[in-house]
Amino acid sequence: MSATHTLTRHSDIQSWVTDRKGIPAVARIRNRFGEEKSKLLLRFVRSQGGFVDDGMSPCSWTAWFAELDRQQLALKVTQGGECELVPRATIN
């Protein structure tokens, strides 16, 4: 089982992502009521070159962090290099 860490500081998140050749991305999605919401994602370079085309648009770190803070999210990472965005309220 891999050890996990939860990152909340912007500099720690950016360092972790860029060390793994990732960039911030965002998508506009609609909920069932038709309201638009921003969905945050991190895009990573595939081993065979290029980014996976997942429908997300690259964005600046400033915009990504503003939305991360607005949604009160943190980045949960494992030693194996996996990550997911989690609500900050779930951090012990």
Protein backbone atom coordinates (compact mmCIF):
# COMPACT_ATOMS: atom_id res chain seq x y z
CA MET A 1 0.00 0.00 0.00
CA SER A 2 1.39 3.42 -0.97
CA ALA A 3 1.66 6.21 1.55
CA THR A 4 -0.54 9.20 0.77
CA HIS A 5 -0.07 12.89 1.44
CA THR A 6 -2.53 15.73 1.01
CA LEU A 7 -1.14 18.96 -0.42
CA THR A 8 -2.86 22.31 0.14
CA ARG A 9 -0.09 24.87 -0.39
CA HIS A 10 0.00 26.17 -3.94
CA SER A 11 3.79 25.93 -4.20
CA ASP A 12 3.77 22.28 -3.05
CA ILE A 13 1.04 21.35 -5.53
CA GLN A 14 2.73 23.12 -8.43
CA SER A 15 6.10 21.52 -7.63
CA TRP A 16 4.59 18.03 -7.37
CA VAL A 17 2.76 18.41 -10.69
CA THR A 18 5.59 20.00 -12.68
CA ASP A 19 8.08 17.42 -11.36
CA ARG A 20 5.87 14.82 -13.05
CA LYS A 21 5.54 16.80 -16.31
CA GLY A 22 1.99 17.90 -15.64
CA ILE A 23 0.05 21.07 -16.35
CA PRO A 24 -3.18 22.52 -14.93
CA ALA A 25 -6.36 22.16 -16.98
CA VAL A 26 -10.02 23.07 -16.62
CA ALA A 27 -13.28 22.10 -18.30
CA ARG A 28 -16.70 23.70 -18.22
CA ILE A 29 -19.37 21.14 -17.45
CA ARG A 30 -23.12 21.50 -16.98
CA ASN A 31 -25.02 19.92 -14.12
CA ARG A 32 -28.49 18.45 -14.57
CA PHE A 33 -30.02 21.92 -14.08
CA GLY A 34 -27.95 23.38 -16.92
CA GLU A 35 -25.71 25.39 -14.62
CA GLU A 36 -22.09 25.63 -15.74
CA LYS A 37 -19.31 24.57 -13.35
CA SER A 38 -15.54 24.41 -13.62
CA LYS A 39 -13.98 20.98 -13.32
CA LEU A 40 -10.30 20.96 -12.43
CA LEU A 41 -7.88 18.36 -13.75
CA LEU A 42 -4.16 17.86 -14.05
CA ARG A 43 -2.85 16.72 -17.43
CA PHE A 44 0.32 14.66 -17.63
CA VAL A 45 2.54 13.85 -20.59
CA ARG A 46 2.13 10.28 -21.76
CA SER A 47 5.28 8.18 -21.87
CA GLN A 48 5.03 8.03 -25.68
CA GLY A 49 4.90 11.81 -26.02
CA GLY A 50 2.15 14.38 -25.95
CA PHE A 51 -0.79 14.92 -23.65
CA VAL A 52 -3.82 12.68 -23.48
CA ASP A 53 -6.71 14.37 -25.30
CA ASP A 54 -9.32 14.34 -22.55
CA GLY A 55 -11.42 17.35 -23.53
CA MET A 56 -9.77 19.60 -20.96
CA SER A 57 -8.26 22.98 -21.78
CA PRO A 58 -4.89 24.00 -20.36
CA CYS A 59 -5.04 27.06 -18.10
CA SER A 60 -2.66 29.18 -16.04
CA TRP A 61 -1.62 28.15 -12.56
CA THR A 62 -3.14 31.39 -11.25
CA ALA A 63 -6.58 30.59 -12.67
CA TRP A 64 -6.34 26.94 -11.60
CA PHE A 65 -5.39 27.83 -8.02
CA ALA A 66 -8.16 30.44 -7.81
CA GLU A 67 -10.70 27.77 -8.74
CA LEU A 68 -9.06 25.22 -6.40
CA ASP A 69 -9.46 27.66 -3.50
CA ARG A 70 -13.00 28.61 -4.52
CA GLN A 71 -14.03 24.94 -4.50
CA GLN A 72 -12.05 24.30 -1.27
CA LEU A 73 -10.08 21.39 -2.76
CA ALA A 74 -6.71 19.82 -1.96
CA LEU A 75 -4.49 17.42 -3.90
CA LYS A 76 -4.12 13.93 -2.46
CA VAL A 77 -0.99 12.19 -3.81
CA THR A 78 0.61 8.77 -3.42
CA GLN A 79 4.24 7.70 -3.55
CA GLY A 80 3.31 5.82 -6.72
CA GLY A 81 2.57 9.11 -8.49
CA GLU A 82 -1.23 8.93 -8.49
CA CYS A 83 -3.30 11.95 -7.51
CA GLU A 84 -6.86 13.10 -6.99
CA LEU A 85 -8.60 16.29 -5.95
CA VAL A 86 -10.40 15.95 -2.61
CA PRO A 87 -12.46 18.35 -0.46
CA ARG A 88 -10.31 20.13 2.12
CA ALA A 89 -12.99 19.31 4.72
CA THR A 90 -11.93 15.64 4.54
CA ILE A 91 -8.38 16.39 5.70
CA ASN A 92 -7.68 15.30 9.25
